[in-house]
Amino acid sequence: MASKRSNVWKYFDQVSECGVECKLCQMKLVYHKSTSSMLNHLKLKHKTFSLEPESERHEQPLITSFTSARRHCDPARRERITALITRMITKRHATTELR
């Protein structure tokens, strides 16, 4: 049987010398001394899995963590930024209308 050093084994049971079964969906896969097919199965069929131990998992920061600190923007700068964005949108819209 396999040495089972990869973290992928916490999601699979080895059911025979050349077969494994997913603990999440009971799908059977061929096993030939490599865990690549098992890893691919997890990535494709179980997108929420993680091979990292729970103690090492890091939550993805929320967008609000980058925008929560309000920066001061004086009225002149705000108007300049608004004008530039408006010009960019108008220019892009005009070029897509011609196509």
PDB file of N, CA and C in Angstrom:
ATOM      1  N   MET A   1       0.842  -1.194   0.000  1.00  0.00           N
ATOM      2  CA  MET A   1       0.000   0.000   0.000  1.00  0.00           C
ATOM      3  C   MET A   1       0.880   1.249   0.000  1.00  0.00           C
ATOM      4  N   ALA A   2       0.272   2.408  -0.200  1.00  0.00           N
ATOM      5  CA  ALA A   2       0.995   3.670  -0.349  1.00  0.00           C
ATOM      6  C   ALA A   2       1.527   4.190   0.985  1.00  0.00           C
ATOM      7  N   SER A   3       2.574   5.058   0.911  1.00  0.00           N
ATOM      8  CA  SER A   3       3.147   5.634   2.126  1.00  0.00           C
ATOM      9  C   SER A   3       2.284   6.780   2.668  1.00  0.00           C
ATOM     10  N   LYS A   4       1.476   7.379   1.857  1.00  0.00           N
ATOM     11  CA  LYS A   4       0.482   8.389   2.254  1.00  0.00           C
ATOM     12  C   LYS A   4       1.098   9.600   2.936  1.00  0.00           C
ATOM     13  N   ARG A   5       2.110  10.196   2.320  1.00  0.00           N
ATOM     14  CA  ARG A   5       2.720  11.402   2.864  1.00  0.00           C
ATOM     15  C   ARG A   5       1.966  12.658   2.449  1.00  0.00           C
ATOM     16  N   SER A   6       1.234  12.621   1.344  1.00  0.00           N
ATOM     17  CA  SER A   6       0.517  13.786   0.834  1.00  0.00           C
ATOM     18  C   SER A   6      -0.749  14.050   1.657  1.00  0.00           C
ATOM     19  N   ASN A   7      -1.062  15.331   1.824  1.00  0.00           N
ATOM     20  CA  ASN A   7      -2.295  15.712   2.528  1.00  0.00           C
ATOM     21  C   ASN A   7      -3.551  15.300   1.769  1.00  0.00           C
ATOM     22  N   VAL A   8      -3.411  14.971   0.500  1.00  0.00           N
ATOM     23  CA  VAL A   8      -4.565  14.576  -0.303  1.00  0.00           C
ATOM     24  C   VAL A   8      -5.209  13.300   0.249  1.00  0.00           C
ATOM     25  N   TRP A   9      -4.421  12.507   0.984  1.00  0.00           N
ATOM     26  CA  TRP A   9      -4.929  11.245   1.517  1.00  0.00           C
ATOM     27  C   TRP A   9      -6.017  11.436   2.573  1.00  0.00           C
ATOM     28  N   LYS A  10      -6.139  12.621   3.156  1.00  0.00           N
ATOM     29  CA  LYS A  10      -7.215  12.795   4.139  1.00  0.00           C
ATOM     30  C   LYS A  10      -8.588  12.814   3.460  1.00  0.00           C
ATOM     31  N   TYR A  11      -8.607  12.910   2.125  1.00  0.00           N
ATOM     32  CA  TYR A  11      -9.859  12.894   1.365  1.00  0.00           C
ATOM     33  C   TYR A  11     -10.091  11.570   0.630  1.00  0.00           C
ATOM     34  N   PHE A  12      -9.140  10.632   0.712  1.00  0.00           N
ATOM     35  CA  PHE A  12      -9.244   9.373  -0.034  1.00  0.00           C
ATOM     36  C   PHE A  12      -8.894   8.179   0.838  1.00  0.00           C
ATOM     37  N   ASP A  13      -9.552   7.062   0.519  1.00  0.00           N
ATOM     38  CA  ASP A  13      -9.205   5.766   1.099  1.00  0.00           C
ATOM     39  C   ASP A  13      -8.659   4.904  -0.017  1.00  0.00           C
ATOM     40  N   GLN A  14      -7.606   4.149   0.267  1.00  0.00           N
ATOM     41  CA  GLN A  14      -7.100   3.212  -0.727  1.00  0.00           C
ATOM     42  C   GLN A  14      -7.909   1.929  -0.591  1.00  0.00           C
ATOM     43  N   VAL A  15      -8.616   1.566  -1.659  1.00  0.00           N
ATOM     44  CA  VAL A  15      -9.513   0.409  -1.605  1.00  0.00           C
ATOM     45  C   VAL A  15      -8.889  -0.838  -2.224  1.00  0.00           C
ATOM     46  N   SER A  16      -7.831  -0.645  -3.006  1.00  0.00           N
ATOM     47  CA  SER A  16      -7.103  -1.777  -3.577  1.00  0.00           C
ATOM     48  C   SER A  16      -5.694  -1.308  -3.913  1.00  0.00           C
ATOM     49  N   GLU A  17      -4.873  -2.212  -4.418  1.00  0.00           N
ATOM     50  CA  GLU A  17      -3.490  -1.864  -4.768  1.00  0.00           C
ATOM     51  C   GLU A  17      -3.439  -0.730  -5.791  1.00  0.00           C
ATOM     52  N   CYS A  18      -4.418  -0.665  -6.692  1.00  0.00           N
ATOM     53  CA  CYS A  18      -4.408   0.386  -7.720  1.00  0.00           C
ATOM     54  C   CYS A  18      -5.749   1.130  -7.788  1.00  0.00           C
ATOM     55  N   GLY A  19      -6.397   1.302  -6.643  1.00  0.00           N
ATOM     56  CA  GLY A  19      -7.658   2.035  -6.618  1.00  0.00           C
ATOM     57  C   GLY A  19      -7.856   2.803  -5.322  1.00  0.00           C
ATOM     58  N   VAL A  20      -8.431   3.999  -5.453  1.00  0.00           N
ATOM     59  CA  VAL A  20      -8.754   4.833  -4.295  1.00  0.00           C
ATOM     60  C   VAL A  20     -10.199   5.292  -4.409  1.00  0.00           C
ATOM     61  N   GLU A  21     -10.780   5.687  -3.274  1.00  0.00           N
ATOM     62  CA  GLU A  21     -12.159   6.172  -3.259  1.00  0.00           C
ATOM     63  C   GLU A  21     -12.207   7.503  -2.521  1.00  0.00           C
ATOM     64  N   CYS A  22     -12.869   8.479  -3.135  1.00  0.00           N
ATOM     65  CA  CYS A  22     -13.030   9.805  -2.539  1.00  0.00           C
ATOM     66  C   CYS A  22     -13.989   9.697  -1.354  1.00  0.00           C
ATOM     67  N   LYS A  23     -13.576  10.234  -0.218  1.00  0.00           N
ATOM     68  CA  LYS A  23     -14.418  10.209   0.978  1.00  0.00           C
ATOM     69  C   LYS A  23     -15.585  11.194   0.884  1.00  0.00           C
ATOM     70  N   LEU A  24     -15.470  12.162  -0.023  1.00  0.00           N
ATOM     71  CA  LEU A  24     -16.517  13.177  -0.149  1.00  0.00           C
ATOM     72  C   LEU A  24     -17.660  12.743  -1.054  1.00  0.00           C
ATOM     73  N   CYS A  25     -17.334  12.018  -2.142  1.00  0.00           N
ATOM     74  CA  CYS A  25     -18.396  11.650  -3.093  1.00  0.00           C
ATOM     75  C   CYS A  25     -18.398  10.163  -3.460  1.00  0.00           C
ATOM     76  N   GLN A  26     -17.512   9.382  -2.866  1.00  0.00           N
ATOM     77  CA  GLN A  26     -17.391   7.948  -3.089  1.00  0.00           C
ATOM     78  C   GLN A  26     -16.993   7.589  -4.530  1.00  0.00           C
ATOM     79  N   MET A  27     -16.470   8.535  -5.287  1.00  0.00           N
ATOM     80  CA  MET A  27     -16.005   8.226  -6.641  1.00  0.00           C
ATOM     81  C   MET A  27     -14.703   7.427  -6.553  1.00  0.00           C
ATOM     82  N   LYS A  28     -14.597   6.387  -7.364  1.00  0.00           N
ATOM     83  CA  LYS A  28     -13.402   5.556  -7.386  1.00  0.00           C
ATOM     84  C   LYS A  28     -12.463   6.042  -8.492  1.00  0.00           C
ATOM     85  N   LEU A  29     -11.181   6.112  -8.158  1.00  0.00           N
ATOM     86  CA  LEU A  29     -10.161   6.547  -9.115  1.00  0.00           C
ATOM     87  C   LEU A  29      -9.060   5.497  -9.174  1.00  0.00           C
ATOM     88  N   VAL A  30      -8.367   5.466 -10.298  1.00  0.00           N
ATOM     89  CA  VAL A  30      -7.214   4.583 -10.450  1.00  0.00           C
ATOM     90  C   VAL A  30      -6.034   5.242  -9.751  1.00  0.00           C
ATOM     91  N   TYR A  31      -5.239   4.446  -9.058  1.00  0.00           N
ATOM     92  CA  TYR A  31      -4.074   4.963  -8.337  1.00  0.00           C
ATOM     93  C   TYR A  31      -2.842   4.181  -8.761  1.00  0.00           C
ATOM     94  N   HIS A  32      -1.838   4.912  -9.288  1.00  0.00           N
ATOM     95  CA  HIS A  32      -0.584   4.295  -9.717  1.00  0.00           C
ATOM     96  C   HIS A  32       0.601   5.001  -9.069  1.00  0.00           C
ATOM     97  N   LYS A  33       0.693   4.975  -7.753  1.00  0.00           N
ATOM     98  CA  LYS A  33       1.825   5.546  -7.017  1.00  0.00           C
ATOM     99  C   LYS A  33       1.959   7.065  -7.137  1.00  0.00           C
ATOM    100  N   SER A  34       0.925   7.753  -7.614  1.00  0.00           N
ATOM    101  CA  SER A  34       0.948   9.213  -7.736  1.00  0.00           C
ATOM    102  C   SER A  34      -0.397   9.757  -7.280  1.00  0.00           C
ATOM    103  N   THR A  35      -0.364  10.898  -6.615  1.00  0.00           N
ATOM    104  CA  THR A  35      -1.608  11.484  -6.106  1.00  0.00           C
ATOM    105  C   THR A  35      -2.171  12.552  -7.040  1.00  0.00           C
ATOM    106  N   SER A  36      -1.588  12.716  -8.233  1.00  0.00           N
ATOM    107  CA  SER A  36      -2.045  13.779  -9.148  1.00  0.00           C
ATOM    108  C   SER A  36      -3.511  13.648  -9.531  1.00  0.00           C
ATOM    109  N   SER A  37      -3.968  12.446  -9.850  1.00  0.00           N
ATOM    110  CA  SER A  37      -5.373  12.290 -10.250  1.00  0.00           C
ATOM    111  C   SER A  37      -6.300  12.611  -9.080  1.00  0.00           C
ATOM    112  N   MET A  38      -5.862  12.299  -7.866  1.00  0.00           N
ATOM    113  CA  MET A  38      -6.680  12.599  -6.694  1.00  0.00           C
ATOM    114  C   MET A  38      -6.747  14.107  -6.472  1.00  0.00           C
ATOM    115  N   LEU A  39      -5.623  14.784  -6.619  1.00  0.00           N
ATOM    116  CA  LEU A  39      -5.592  16.234  -6.477  1.00  0.00           C
ATOM    117  C   LEU A  39      -6.451  16.900  -7.551  1.00  0.00           C
ATOM    118  N   ASN A  40      -6.345  16.427  -8.784  1.00  0.00           N
ATOM    119  CA  ASN A  40      -7.169  16.971  -9.872  1.00  0.00           C
ATOM    120  C   ASN A  40      -8.652  16.748  -9.595  1.00  0.00           C
ATOM    121  N   HIS A  41      -8.998  15.584  -9.092  1.00  0.00           N
ATOM    122  CA  HIS A  41     -10.397  15.300  -8.750  1.00  0.00           C
ATOM    123  C   HIS A  41     -10.908  16.307  -7.718  1.00  0.00           C
ATOM    124  N   LEU A  42     -10.117  16.556  -6.679  1.00  0.00           N
ATOM    125  CA  LEU A  42     -10.532  17.504  -5.643  1.00  0.00           C
ATOM    126  C   LEU A  42     -10.694  18.910  -6.206  1.00  0.00           C
ATOM    127  N   LYS A  43      -9.771  19.331  -7.060  1.00  0.00           N
ATOM    128  CA  LYS A  43      -9.843  20.676  -7.644  1.00  0.00           C
ATOM    129  C   LYS A  43     -11.059  20.841  -8.545  1.00  0.00           C
ATOM    130  N   LEU A  44     -11.387  19.798  -9.307  1.00  0.00           N
ATOM    131  CA  LEU A  44     -12.496  19.892 -10.261  1.00  0.00           C
ATOM    132  C   LEU A  44     -13.864  19.640  -9.634  1.00  0.00           C
ATOM    133  N   LYS A  45     -13.946  18.677  -8.752  1.00  0.00           N
ATOM    134  CA  LYS A  45     -15.245  18.258  -8.217  1.00  0.00           C
ATOM    135  C   LYS A  45     -15.586  18.847  -6.849  1.00  0.00           C
ATOM    136  N   HIS A  46     -14.583  19.228  -6.099  1.00  0.00           N
ATOM    137  CA  HIS A  46     -14.804  19.726  -4.739  1.00  0.00           C
ATOM    138  C   HIS A  46     -14.003  21.011  -4.550  1.00  0.00           C
ATOM    139  N   LYS A  47     -14.462  22.074  -5.149  1.00  0.00           N
ATOM    140  CA  LYS A  47     -13.706  23.323  -5.207  1.00  0.00           C
ATOM    141  C   LYS A  47     -13.445  23.968  -3.849  1.00  0.00           C
ATOM    142  N   THR A  48     -14.169  23.593  -2.822  1.00  0.00           N
ATOM    143  CA  THR A  48     -14.003  24.238  -1.519  1.00  0.00           C
ATOM    144  C   THR A  48     -13.009  23.509  -0.615  1.00  0.00           C
ATOM    145  N   PHE A  49     -12.387  22.447  -1.079  1.00  0.00           N
ATOM    146  CA  PHE A  49     -11.460  21.698  -0.241  1.00  0.00           C
ATOM    147  C   PHE A  49     -10.171  22.490  -0.022  1.00  0.00           C
ATOM    148  N   SER A  50      -9.428  22.130   0.995  1.00  0.00           N
ATOM    149  CA  SER A  50      -8.126  22.732   1.253  1.00  0.00           C
ATOM    150  C   SER A  50      -7.186  21.654   1.750  1.00  0.00           C
ATOM    151  N   LEU A  51      -5.978  21.626   1.211  1.00  0.00           N
ATOM    152  CA  LEU A  51      -4.989  20.655   1.656  1.00  0.00           C
ATOM    153  C   LEU A  51      -4.191  21.177   2.851  1.00  0.00           C
ATOM    154  N   GLU A  52      -4.346  22.462   3.176  1.00  0.00           N
ATOM    155  CA  GLU A  52      -3.642  23.033   4.316  1.00  0.00           C
ATOM    156  C   GLU A  52      -4.330  22.583   5.605  1.00  0.00           C
ATOM    157  N   PRO A  53      -3.556  22.311   6.632  1.00  0.00           N
ATOM    158  CA  PRO A  53      -4.185  22.012   7.927  1.00  0.00           C
ATOM    159  C   PRO A  53      -4.993  23.221   8.385  1.00  0.00           C
ATOM    160  N   GLU A  54      -6.079  22.986   9.097  1.00  0.00           N
ATOM    161  CA  GLU A  54      -6.959  24.079   9.517  1.00  0.00           C
ATOM    162  C   GLU A  54      -6.215  25.163  10.289  1.00  0.00           C
ATOM    163  N   SER A  55      -5.209  24.783  11.053  1.00  0.00           N
ATOM    164  CA  SER A  55      -4.465  25.770  11.829  1.00  0.00           C
ATOM    165  C   SER A  55      -3.637  26.706  10.945  1.00  0.00           C
ATOM    166  N   GLU A  56      -3.345  26.283   9.711  1.00  0.00           N
ATOM    167  CA  GLU A  56      -2.520  27.097   8.813  1.00  0.00           C
ATOM    168  C   GLU A  56      -3.340  27.840   7.762  1.00  0.00           C
ATOM    169  N   ARG A  57      -4.639  27.638   7.734  1.00  0.00           N
ATOM    170  CA  ARG A  57      -5.473  28.303   6.737  1.00  0.00           C
ATOM    171  C   ARG A  57      -5.589  29.783   7.037  1.00  0.00           C
ATOM    172  N   HIS A  58      -5.548  30.556   5.997  1.00  0.00           N
ATOM    173  CA  HIS A  58      -5.702  31.995   6.128  1.00  0.00           C
ATOM    174  C   HIS A  58      -6.919  32.414   5.333  1.00  0.00           C
ATOM    175  N   GLU A  59      -7.781  33.135   5.973  1.00  0.00           N
ATOM    176  CA  GLU A  59      -8.966  33.619   5.284  1.00  0.00           C
ATOM    177  C   GLU A  59      -8.555  34.703   4.294  1.00  0.00           C
ATOM    178  N   GLN A  60      -9.188  34.711   3.156  1.00  0.00           N
ATOM    179  CA  GLN A  60      -8.939  35.763   2.180  1.00  0.00           C
ATOM    180  C   GLN A  60      -9.509  37.065   2.731  1.00  0.00           C
ATOM    181  N   PRO A  61      -8.723  38.140   2.694  1.00  0.00           N
ATOM    182  CA  PRO A  61      -9.235  39.395   3.241  1.00  0.00           C
ATOM    183  C   PRO A  61     -10.432  39.909   2.444  1.00  0.00           C
ATOM    184  N   LEU A  62     -11.364  40.509   3.138  1.00  0.00           N
ATOM    185  CA  LEU A  62     -12.522  41.101   2.488  1.00  0.00           C
ATOM    186  C   LEU A  62     -12.120  42.414   1.826  1.00  0.00           C
ATOM    187  N   ILE A  63     -12.829  42.796   0.781  1.00  0.00           N
ATOM    188  CA  ILE A  63     -12.540  44.050   0.084  1.00  0.00           C
ATOM    189  C   ILE A  63     -12.670  45.237   1.030  1.00  0.00           C
ATOM    190  N   THR A  64     -13.551  45.132   2.009  1.00  0.00           N
ATOM    191  CA  THR A  64     -13.746  46.239   2.943  1.00  0.00           C
ATOM    192  C   THR A  64     -12.503  46.502   3.786  1.00  0.00           C
ATOM    193  N   SER A  65     -11.644  45.504   3.946  1.00  0.00           N
ATOM    194  CA  SER A  65     -10.429  45.732   4.721  1.00  0.00           C
ATOM    195  C   SER A  65      -9.474  46.685   4.001  1.00  0.00           C
ATOM    196  N   PHE A  66      -9.628  46.811   2.690  1.00  0.00           N
ATOM    197  CA  PHE A  66      -8.784  47.726   1.928  1.00  0.00           C
ATOM    198  C   PHE A  66      -9.420  49.106   1.790  1.00  0.00           C
ATOM    199  N   THR A  67     -10.728  49.169   1.953  1.00  0.00           N
ATOM    200  CA  THR A  67     -11.433  50.433   1.742  1.00  0.00           C
ATOM    201  C   THR A  67     -11.956  51.054   3.026  1.00  0.00           C
ATOM    202  N   SER A  68     -11.790  50.374   4.142  1.00  0.00           N
ATOM    203  CA  SER A  68     -12.384  50.888   5.380  1.00  0.00           C
ATOM    204  C   SER A  68     -11.701  52.153   5.886  1.00  0.00           C
ATOM    205  N   ALA A  69     -10.413  52.293   5.641  1.00  0.00           N
ATOM    206  CA  ALA A  69      -9.719  53.509   6.072  1.00  0.00           C
ATOM    207  C   ALA A  69      -9.993  54.599   5.035  1.00  0.00           C
ATOM    208  N   ARG A  70     -10.857  55.498   5.397  1.00  0.00           N
ATOM    209  CA  ARG A  70     -11.234  56.573   4.470  1.00  0.00           C
ATOM    210  C   ARG A  70     -10.088  57.553   4.288  1.00  0.00           C
ATOM    211  N   ARG A  71      -9.727  57.775   3.041  1.00  0.00           N
ATOM    212  CA  ARG A  71      -8.708  58.774   2.754  1.00  0.00           C
ATOM    213  C   ARG A  71      -9.397  60.078   2.410  1.00  0.00           C
ATOM    214  N   HIS A  72      -8.780  61.153   2.831  1.00  0.00           N
ATOM    215  CA  HIS A  72      -9.350  62.462   2.546  1.00  0.00           C
ATOM    216  C   HIS A  72      -9.111  62.808   1.074  1.00  0.00           C
ATOM    217  N   CYS A  73     -10.152  63.279   0.438  1.00  0.00           N
ATOM    218  CA  CYS A  73     -10.059  63.685  -0.961  1.00  0.00           C
ATOM    219  C   CYS A  73     -10.711  65.059  -1.076  1.00  0.00           C
ATOM    220  N   ASP A  74      -9.881  66.058  -1.358  1.00  0.00           N
ATOM    221  CA  ASP A  74     -10.435  67.407  -1.419  1.00  0.00           C
ATOM    222  C   ASP A  74     -11.340  67.543  -2.647  1.00  0.00           C
ATOM    223  N   PRO A  75     -12.259  68.498  -2.654  1.00  0.00           N
ATOM    224  CA  PRO A  75     -13.236  68.649  -3.742  1.00  0.00           C
ATOM    225  C   PRO A  75     -12.589  68.804  -5.124  1.00  0.00           C
ATOM    226  N   ALA A  76     -11.490  69.535  -5.234  1.00  0.00           N
ATOM    227  CA  ALA A  76     -10.842  69.723  -6.543  1.00  0.00           C
ATOM    228  C   ALA A  76     -10.314  68.388  -7.078  1.00  0.00           C
ATOM    229  N   ARG A  77      -9.689  67.606  -6.204  1.00  0.00           N
ATOM    230  CA  ARG A  77      -9.171  66.292  -6.632  1.00  0.00           C
ATOM    231  C   ARG A  77     -10.315  65.363  -7.007  1.00  0.00           C
ATOM    232  N   ARG A  78     -11.386  65.370  -6.228  1.00  0.00           N
ATOM    233  CA  ARG A  78     -12.557  64.547  -6.510  1.00  0.00           C
ATOM    234  C   ARG A  78     -13.132  64.877  -7.880  1.00  0.00           C
ATOM    235  N   GLU A  79     -13.251  66.166  -8.193  1.00  0.00           N
ATOM    236  CA  GLU A  79     -13.768  66.594  -9.499  1.00  0.00           C
ATOM    237  C   GLU A  79     -12.859  66.141 -10.629  1.00  0.00           C
ATOM    238  N   ARG A  80     -11.552  66.237 -10.433  1.00  0.00           N
ATOM    239  CA  ARG A  80     -10.575  65.828 -11.456  1.00  0.00           C
ATOM    240  C   ARG A  80     -10.680  64.321 -11.717  1.00  0.00           C
ATOM    241  N   ILE A  81     -10.760  63.544 -10.658  1.00  0.00           N
ATOM    242  CA  ILE A  81     -10.885  62.093 -10.804  1.00  0.00           C
ATOM    243  C   ILE A  81     -12.189  61.735 -11.508  1.00  0.00           C
ATOM    244  N   THR A  82     -13.288  62.373 -11.116  1.00  0.00           N
ATOM    245  CA  THR A  82     -14.584  62.112 -11.750  1.00  0.00           C
ATOM    246  C   THR A  82     -14.532  62.452 -13.234  1.00  0.00           C
ATOM    247  N   ALA A  83     -13.922  63.562 -13.586  1.00  0.00           N
ATOM    248  CA  ALA A  83     -13.807  63.965 -14.992  1.00  0.00           C
ATOM    249  C   ALA A  83     -12.982  62.953 -15.781  1.00  0.00           C
ATOM    250  N   LEU A  84     -11.878  62.486 -15.223  1.00  0.00           N
ATOM    251  CA  LEU A  84     -11.030  61.506 -15.916  1.00  0.00           C
ATOM    252  C   LEU A  84     -11.759  60.175 -16.123  1.00  0.00           C
ATOM    253  N   ILE A  85     -12.462  59.729 -15.108  1.00  0.00           N
ATOM    254  CA  ILE A  85     -13.215  58.467 -15.236  1.00  0.00           C
ATOM    255  C   ILE A  85     -14.323  58.614 -16.274  1.00  0.00           C
ATOM    256  N   THR A  86     -15.025  59.742 -16.239  1.00  0.00           N
ATOM    257  CA  THR A  86     -16.089  59.997 -17.216  1.00  0.00           C
ATOM    258  C   THR A  86     -15.531  59.999 -18.630  1.00  0.00           C
ATOM    259  N   ARG A  87     -14.394  60.647 -18.816  1.00  0.00           N
ATOM    260  CA  ARG A  87     -13.764  60.694 -20.142  1.00  0.00           C
ATOM    261  C   ARG A  87     -13.357  59.294 -20.595  1.00  0.00           C
ATOM    262  N   MET A  88     -12.824  58.490 -19.684  1.00  0.00           N
ATOM    263  CA  MET A  88     -12.415  57.132 -20.023  1.00  0.00           C
ATOM    264  C   MET A  88     -13.626  56.293 -20.445  1.00  0.00           C
ATOM    265  N   ILE A  89     -14.709  56.384 -19.684  1.00  0.00           N
ATOM    266  CA  ILE A  89     -15.921  55.619 -20.004  1.00  0.00           C
ATOM    267  C   ILE A  89     -16.514  56.079 -21.326  1.00  0.00           C
ATOM    268  N   THR A  90     -16.578  57.374 -21.528  1.00  0.00           N
ATOM    269  CA  THR A  90     -17.140  57.922 -22.771  1.00  0.00           C
ATOM    270  C   THR A  90     -16.313  57.498 -23.975  1.00  0.00           C
ATOM    271  N   LYS A  91     -14.994  57.554 -23.840  1.00  0.00           N
ATOM    272  CA  LYS A  91     -14.110  57.179 -24.932  1.00  0.00           C
ATOM    273  C   LYS A  91     -14.272  55.691 -25.262  1.00  0.00           C
ATOM    274  N   ARG A  92     -14.326  54.839 -24.227  1.00  0.00           N
ATOM    275  CA  ARG A  92     -14.494  53.415 -24.452  1.00  0.00           C
ATOM    276  C   ARG A  92     -15.849  53.118 -25.084  1.00  0.00           C
ATOM    277  N   HIS A  93     -16.897  53.801 -24.609  1.00  0.00           N
ATOM    278  CA  HIS A  93     -18.239  53.593 -25.153  1.00  0.00           C
ATOM    279  C   HIS A  93     -18.296  54.008 -26.622  1.00  0.00           C
ATOM    280  N   ALA A  94     -17.645  55.114 -26.961  1.00  0.00           N
ATOM    281  CA  ALA A  94     -17.652  55.602 -28.353  1.00  0.00           C
ATOM    282  C   ALA A  94     -16.949  54.634 -29.274  1.00  0.00           C
ATOM    283  N   THR A  95     -15.847  54.028 -28.838  1.00  0.00           N
ATOM    284  CA  THR A  95     -15.121  53.093 -29.704  1.00  0.00           C
ATOM    285  C   THR A  95     -15.869  51.773 -29.852  1.00  0.00           C
ATOM    286  N   THR A  96     -16.624  51.341 -28.860  1.00  0.00           N
ATOM    287  CA  THR A  96     -17.363  50.086 -28.984  1.00  0.00           C
ATOM    288  C   THR A  96     -18.618  50.281 -29.819  1.00  0.00           C
ATOM    289  N   GLU A  97     -19.167  51.489 -29.865  1.00  0.00           N
ATOM    290  CA  GLU A  97     -20.334  51.749 -30.688  1.00  0.00           C
ATOM    291  C   GLU A  97     -20.012  51.671 -32.168  1.00  0.00           C
ATOM    292  N   LEU A  98     -18.770  52.005 -32.545  1.00  0.00           N
ATOM    293  CA  LEU A  98     -18.354  52.017 -33.944  1.00  0.00           C
ATOM    294  C   LEU A  98     -18.125  50.615 -34.485  1.00  0.00           C
ATOM    295  N   ARG A  99     -17.951  49.660 -33.640  1.00  0.00           N
ATOM    296  CA  ARG A  99     -17.655  48.299 -34.092  1.00  0.00           C
ATOM    297  C   ARG A  99     -18.844  47.587 -34.611  1.00  0.00           C
TER     298      ARG A  99
END
